C-alpha atoms as a PDB file:
ATOM      1  CA  UNK A   1      27.662  42.381   4.437  1.00  0.00           C
ATOM      2  CA  UNK A   2      24.784  40.050   5.232  1.00  0.00           C
ATOM      3  CA  UNK A   3      25.777  36.408   4.947  1.00  0.00           C
ATOM      4  CA  UNK A   4      23.200  33.862   4.020  1.00  0.00           C
ATOM      5  CA  UNK A   5      23.382  30.435   5.463  1.00  0.00           C
ATOM      6  CA  UNK A   6      21.988  27.432   3.639  1.00  0.00           C
ATOM      7  CA  UNK A   7      19.864  25.290   5.920  1.00  0.00           C
ATOM      8  CA  UNK A   8      18.252  22.086   4.991  1.00  0.00           C
ATOM      9  CA  UNK A   9      14.691  22.154   5.821  1.00  0.00           C
ATOM     10  CA  UNK A  10      12.791  18.819   5.654  1.00  0.00           C
ATOM     11  CA  UNK A  11      10.093  18.812   3.232  1.00  0.00           C
ATOM     12  CA  UNK A  12       7.912  16.343   4.885  1.00  0.00           C
ATOM     13  CA  UNK A  13       7.298  14.051   7.776  1.00  0.00           C
ATOM     14  CA  UNK A  14      10.499  12.203   8.737  1.00  0.00           C
ATOM     15  CA  UNK A  15      11.305   8.981  10.761  1.00  0.00           C
ATOM     16  CA  UNK A  16      14.402   8.381  12.921  1.00  0.00           C
ATOM     17  CA  UNK A  17      16.426   5.284  11.822  1.00  0.00           C
ATOM     18  CA  UNK A  18      18.209   2.762  13.729  1.00  0.00           C
ATOM     19  CA  UNK A  19      21.575   4.448  12.566  1.00  0.00           C
ATOM     20  CA  UNK A  20      20.492   7.749  14.030  1.00  0.00           C
ATOM     21  CA  UNK A  21      19.897   9.223  10.601  1.00  0.00           C
ATOM     22  CA  UNK A  22      16.499  10.946   9.723  1.00  0.00           C
ATOM     23  CA  UNK A  23      14.417   9.645   6.702  1.00  0.00           C
ATOM     24  CA  UNK A  24      12.312  12.186   5.061  1.00  0.00           C
ATOM     25  CA  UNK A  25       9.229  10.456   3.629  1.00  0.00           C
ATOM     26  CA  UNK A  26       8.718  13.050   0.914  1.00  0.00           C
ATOM     27  CA  UNK A  27      12.394  13.541   0.044  1.00  0.00           C
ATOM     28  CA  UNK A  28      13.787  10.113   0.267  1.00  0.00           C
ATOM     29  CA  UNK A  29      16.697  11.013  -2.136  1.00  0.00           C
ATOM     30  CA  UNK A  30      18.372  13.418   0.353  1.00  0.00           C
ATOM     31  CA  UNK A  31      17.918  10.944   3.186  1.00  0.00           C
ATOM     32  CA  UNK A  32      21.161   9.438   4.506  1.00  0.00           C
ATOM     33  CA  UNK A  33      20.107   5.737   4.784  1.00  0.00           C
ATOM     34  CA  UNK A  34      22.389   2.668   4.339  1.00  0.00           C
ATOM     35  CA  UNK A  35      21.909  -1.021   3.769  1.00  0.00           C
ATOM     36  CA  UNK A  36      22.139  -1.577   7.602  1.00  0.00           C
ATOM     37  CA  UNK A  37      18.967   0.771   8.000  1.00  0.00           C
ATOM     38  CA  UNK A  38      17.048  -1.506   5.353  1.00  0.00           C
ATOM     39  CA  UNK A  39      18.149  -4.812   6.768  1.00  0.00           C
ATOM     40  CA  UNK A  40      17.227  -3.665  10.430  1.00  0.00           C
ATOM     41  CA  UNK A  41      13.891  -2.638   9.145  1.00  0.00           C
ATOM     42  CA  UNK A  42      13.168  -5.417   6.835  1.00  0.00           C
ATOM     43  CA  UNK A  43      14.237  -8.047   9.475  1.00  0.00           C
ATOM     44  CA  UNK A  44      11.934  -6.573  12.003  1.00  0.00           C
ATOM     45  CA  UNK A  45       8.529  -6.623   9.948  1.00  0.00           C
ATOM     46  CA  UNK A  46       6.442  -9.579   9.708  1.00  0.00           C
ATOM     47  CA  UNK A  47       4.984 -10.570   6.161  1.00  0.00           C
ATOM     48  CA  UNK A  48       1.176 -10.934   5.778  1.00  0.00           C
ATOM     49  CA  UNK A  49       0.468  -8.338   8.396  1.00  0.00           C
ATOM     50  CA  UNK A  50       1.533 -10.826  10.885  1.00  0.00           C
ATOM     51  CA  UNK A  51      -1.386 -13.229   9.869  1.00  0.00           C
ATOM     52  CA  UNK A  52       0.883 -16.226   9.326  1.00  0.00           C
ATOM     53  CA  UNK A  53       1.685 -19.405  11.321  1.00  0.00           C
ATOM     54  CA  UNK A  54       4.768 -17.707  13.005  1.00  0.00           C
ATOM     55  CA  UNK A  55       6.999 -14.706  12.558  1.00  0.00           C
ATOM     56  CA  UNK A  56       8.299 -14.580   8.925  1.00  0.00           C
ATOM     57  CA  UNK A  57      10.302 -11.305   8.134  1.00  0.00           C
ATOM     58  CA  UNK A  58      10.364  -9.444   4.867  1.00  0.00           C
ATOM     59  CA  UNK A  59      14.203  -9.758   5.036  1.00  0.00           C
ATOM     60  CA  UNK A  60      13.919 -13.758   4.906  1.00  0.00           C
ATOM     61  CA  UNK A  61      11.471 -13.260   2.034  1.00  0.00           C
ATOM     62  CA  UNK A  62      13.984 -11.015   0.137  1.00  0.00           C
ATOM     63  CA  UNK A  63      16.524 -13.571   0.455  1.00  0.00           C
ATOM     64  CA  UNK A  64      14.283 -16.226  -1.120  1.00  0.00           C
ATOM     65  CA  UNK A  65      13.336 -13.856  -4.045  1.00  0.00           C
ATOM     66  CA  UNK A  66      17.090 -13.265  -4.623  1.00  0.00           C
ATOM     67  CA  UNK A  67      17.866 -16.980  -4.476  1.00  0.00           C
ATOM     68  CA  UNK A  68      14.955 -17.584  -7.024  1.00  0.00           C
ATOM     69  CA  UNK A  69      16.260 -15.439 -10.052  1.00  0.00           C
ATOM     70  CA  UNK A  70      19.114 -16.181 -12.234  1.00  0.00           C
ATOM     71  CA  UNK A  71      19.584 -12.544 -12.964  1.00  0.00           C
ATOM     72  CA  UNK A  72      19.122  -9.335 -11.155  1.00  0.00           C
ATOM     73  CA  UNK A  73      19.829 -10.929  -7.849  1.00  0.00           C
ATOM     74  CA  UNK A  74      20.681  -7.552  -6.184  1.00  0.00           C
ATOM     75  CA  UNK A  75      17.445  -5.881  -7.392  1.00  0.00           C
ATOM     76  CA  UNK A  76      15.641  -9.109  -6.106  1.00  0.00           C
ATOM     77  CA  UNK A  77      17.168  -8.738  -2.662  1.00  0.00           C
ATOM     78  CA  UNK A  78      16.267  -5.073  -2.393  1.00  0.00           C
ATOM     79  CA  UNK A  79      12.742  -5.408  -4.183  1.00  0.00           C
ATOM     80  CA  UNK A  80      10.859  -4.665  -0.948  1.00  0.00           C
ATOM     81  CA  UNK A  81      13.510  -2.281   0.708  1.00  0.00           C
ATOM     82  CA  UNK A  82      11.071   0.666   0.657  1.00  0.00           C
ATOM     83  CA  UNK A  83       9.048  -1.406   3.508  1.00  0.00           C
ATOM     84  CA  UNK A  84      12.118  -0.909   5.857  1.00  0.00           C
ATOM     85  CA  UNK A  85      10.770   2.774   6.110  1.00  0.00           C
ATOM     86  CA  UNK A  86       7.230   2.443   5.187  1.00  0.00           C
ATOM     87  CA  UNK A  87       6.194  -0.921   6.535  1.00  0.00           C
ATOM     88  CA  UNK A  88       4.596  -3.842   4.904  1.00  0.00           C
ATOM     89  CA  UNK A  89       1.312  -2.710   3.826  1.00  0.00           C
ATOM     90  CA  UNK A  90      -1.005  -5.399   2.596  1.00  0.00           C
ATOM     91  CA  UNK A  91      -1.989  -5.394  -1.008  1.00  0.00           C
ATOM     92  CA  UNK A  92      -5.660  -4.867  -0.281  1.00  0.00           C
ATOM     93  CA  UNK A  93      -5.085  -1.919   1.815  1.00  0.00           C
ATOM     94  CA  UNK A  94      -2.543  -0.322  -0.776  1.00  0.00           C
ATOM     95  CA  UNK A  95      -5.135  -0.465  -3.330  1.00  0.00           C
ATOM     96  CA  UNK A  96      -7.220   2.103  -0.929  1.00  0.00           C
ATOM     97  CA  UNK A  97      -4.400   4.248  -0.618  1.00  0.00           C
ATOM     98  CA  UNK A  98      -3.237   6.101  -3.824  1.00  0.00           C
ATOM     99  CA  UNK A  99      -0.998   8.623  -2.020  1.00  0.00           C
ATOM    100  CA  UNK A 100       0.601   6.010  -0.198  1.00  0.00           C
ATOM    101  CA  UNK A 101       1.488   4.330  -3.548  1.00  0.00           C
ATOM    102  CA  UNK A 102       3.227   7.651  -4.923  1.00  0.00           C
ATOM    103  CA  UNK A 103       5.215   7.813  -1.527  1.00  0.00           C
ATOM    104  CA  UNK A 104       6.198   4.033  -2.249  1.00  0.00           C
ATOM    105  CA  UNK A 105       7.309   4.736  -5.841  1.00  0.00           C
ATOM    106  CA  UNK A 106       9.309   7.551  -4.679  1.00  0.00           C
ATOM    107  CA  UNK A 107      11.171   5.614  -2.035  1.00  0.00           C
ATOM    108  CA  UNK A 108      11.760   2.883  -4.434  1.00  0.00           C
ATOM    109  CA  UNK A 109      13.245   5.248  -6.868  1.00  0.00           C
ATOM    110  CA  UNK A 110      15.630   6.662  -4.221  1.00  0.00           C
ATOM    111  CA  UNK A 111      16.743   3.178  -3.348  1.00  0.00           C
ATOM    112  CA  UNK A 112      17.120   2.402  -6.931  1.00  0.00           C
ATOM    113  CA  UNK A 113      19.434   5.411  -7.304  1.00  0.00           C
ATOM    114  CA  UNK A 114      21.367   4.843  -3.937  1.00  0.00           C
ATOM    115  CA  UNK A 115      22.430   1.246  -5.061  1.00  0.00           C
ATOM    116  CA  UNK A 116      22.475   1.683  -8.716  1.00  0.00           C
ATOM    117  CA  UNK A 117      19.943  -1.025  -9.408  1.00  0.00           C
ATOM    118  CA  UNK A 118      18.558  -1.749 -12.867  1.00  0.00           C
ATOM    119  CA  UNK A 119      15.088  -0.606 -13.437  1.00  0.00           C
ATOM    120  CA  UNK A 120      14.712  -3.182 -16.031  1.00  0.00           C
ATOM    121  CA  UNK A 121      14.717  -5.972 -13.619  1.00  0.00           C
ATOM    122  CA  UNK A 122      11.146  -5.246 -12.408  1.00  0.00           C
ATOM    123  CA  UNK A 123       9.485  -7.943 -14.586  1.00  0.00           C
ATOM    124  CA  UNK A 124      11.872 -10.609 -13.760  1.00  0.00           C
ATOM    125  CA  UNK A 125      11.799  -9.810  -9.965  1.00  0.00           C
ATOM    126  CA  UNK A 126       8.103  -9.674  -9.978  1.00  0.00           C
ATOM    127  CA  UNK A 127       7.900 -13.047 -11.411  1.00  0.00           C
ATOM    128  CA  UNK A 128      10.235 -14.565  -8.749  1.00  0.00           C
ATOM    129  CA  UNK A 129       8.416 -12.705  -6.057  1.00  0.00           C
ATOM    130  CA  UNK A 130       5.041 -14.352  -7.150  1.00  0.00           C
ATOM    131  CA  UNK A 131       6.820 -17.813  -7.276  1.00  0.00           C
ATOM    132  CA  UNK A 132       8.075 -17.098  -3.681  1.00  0.00           C
ATOM    133  CA  UNK A 133       4.469 -15.826  -2.503  1.00  0.00           C
ATOM    134  CA  UNK A 134       3.093 -19.113  -3.706  1.00  0.00           C
ATOM    135  CA  UNK A 135       5.471 -21.202  -1.910  1.00  0.00           C
ATOM    136  CA  UNK A 136       5.278 -18.946   1.299  1.00  0.00           C
ATOM    137  CA  UNK A 137       1.459 -19.241   1.173  1.00  0.00           C
ATOM    138  CA  UNK A 138       1.543 -23.092   0.998  1.00  0.00           C
ATOM    139  CA  UNK A 139       3.823 -23.155   3.884  1.00  0.00           C
ATOM    140  CA  UNK A 140       2.756 -20.104   6.141  1.00  0.00           C
ATOM    141  CA  UNK A 141      -1.120 -19.818   5.704  1.00  0.00           C
ATOM    142  CA  UNK A 142      -4.275 -22.013   5.927  1.00  0.00           C
ATOM    143  CA  UNK A 143      -4.667 -24.887   3.290  1.00  0.00           C
ATOM    144  CA  UNK A 144      -5.825 -23.691  -0.022  1.00  0.00           C
ATOM    145  CA  UNK A 145      -4.530 -19.955   0.410  1.00  0.00           C
ATOM    146  CA  UNK A 146      -2.241 -20.476  -2.750  1.00  0.00           C
ATOM    147  CA  UNK A 147      -5.012 -21.610  -4.886  1.00  0.00           C
ATOM    148  CA  UNK A 148      -4.530 -18.558  -7.213  1.00  0.00           C
ATOM    149  CA  UNK A 149      -1.046 -19.862  -8.091  1.00  0.00           C
ATOM    150  CA  UNK A 150      -2.279 -22.942 -10.185  1.00  0.00           C
ATOM    151  CA  UNK A 151      -4.897 -21.125 -11.981  1.00  0.00           C
ATOM    152  CA  UNK A 152      -2.491 -18.192 -12.847  1.00  0.00           C
ATOM    153  CA  UNK A 153       0.120 -20.669 -14.059  1.00  0.00           C
ATOM    154  CA  UNK A 154       2.737 -19.719 -11.193  1.00  0.00           C
ATOM    155  CA  UNK A 155       4.948 -22.318 -10.205  1.00  0.00           C
ATOM    156  CA  UNK A 156       5.802 -22.333  -6.543  1.00  0.00           C
ATOM    157  CA  UNK A 157       9.519 -21.524  -5.789  1.00  0.00           C
ATOM    158  CA  UNK A 158      11.617 -24.191  -4.316  1.00  0.00           C
ATOM    159  CA  UNK A 159      11.927 -22.543  -0.887  1.00  0.00           C
ATOM    160  CA  UNK A 160      11.954 -23.557   2.722  1.00  0.00           C
ATOM    161  CA  UNK A 161      10.617 -20.995   5.000  1.00  0.00           C
ATOM    162  CA  UNK A 162      12.871 -21.064   8.055  1.00  0.00           C
ATOM    163  CA  UNK A 163      11.096 -18.560  10.483  1.00  0.00           C
ATOM    164  CA  UNK A 164      14.303 -16.686  11.107  1.00  0.00           C
ATOM    165  CA  UNK A 165      14.711 -14.620  14.230  1.00  0.00           C
ATOM    166  CA  UNK A 166      15.009 -10.786  13.264  1.00  0.00           C
ATOM    167  CA  UNK A 167      18.832 -10.659  14.313  1.00  0.00           C
ATOM    168  CA  UNK A 168      19.505 -13.789  12.174  1.00  0.00           C
ATOM    169  CA  UNK A 169      17.558 -12.540   9.176  1.00  0.00           C
ATOM    170  CA  UNK A 170      19.188  -9.192   9.475  1.00  0.00           C
ATOM    171  CA  UNK A 171      22.732 -10.808   9.514  1.00  0.00           C
ATOM    172  CA  UNK A 172      21.876 -13.051   6.325  1.00  0.00           C
ATOM    173  CA  UNK A 173      20.270 -10.333   4.501  1.00  0.00           C
ATOM    174  CA  UNK A 174      23.446  -8.155   5.057  1.00  0.00           C
ATOM    175  CA  UNK A 175      25.858 -11.198   4.172  1.00  0.00           C
ATOM    176  CA  UNK A 176      23.875 -11.809   0.997  1.00  0.00           C
ATOM    177  CA  UNK A 177      23.914  -8.143   0.072  1.00  0.00           C
ATOM    178  CA  UNK A 178      27.696  -8.149   0.655  1.00  0.00           C
ATOM    179  CA  UNK A 179      28.120 -11.307  -1.479  1.00  0.00           C
ATOM    180  CA  UNK A 180      26.138  -9.792  -4.506  1.00  0.00           C
ATOM    181  CA  UNK A 181      28.068  -6.481  -4.305  1.00  0.00           C
ATOM    182  CA  UNK A 182      31.389  -8.406  -4.385  1.00  0.00           C
ATOM    183  CA  UNK A 183      30.569 -10.468  -7.055  1.00  0.00           C
END
């Protein structure tokens, strides 16, 4: 009798995570990523393509967004989690890369499923993200960069950018995640 052996063949390009797991960019649902992998990636990625006063991580940004919302705090903390695997692509560049947007949507969906996040949180989190963006730009970028906020009716969030080191940002992100999961 000829025995068949099931072998998982990756369906697309994959990256090795700091944990040693592989992340398949075209099949993120079957990838074995953890919150530690997300925290590691986000804490080492600088917002604004690095074009800001000093290193400012996506992990620190995510903490600010979570602290800005009244509801959906876990969804807010993880709103940029896909960037842990894809990098922080600037908004103007994303507009030029339609296939990137598809890949990003798949990774976001896998994260949503993995952590049991509520898809209805999107509008609430987006509003908080814009408020944090306005505050960040006032603190991180040349004067006047946040001009769009006033004309759009976006009130800056009451945050203070701390320019956390990657290690501190990772630890605070993981601590915040644990708090939100526990309570």
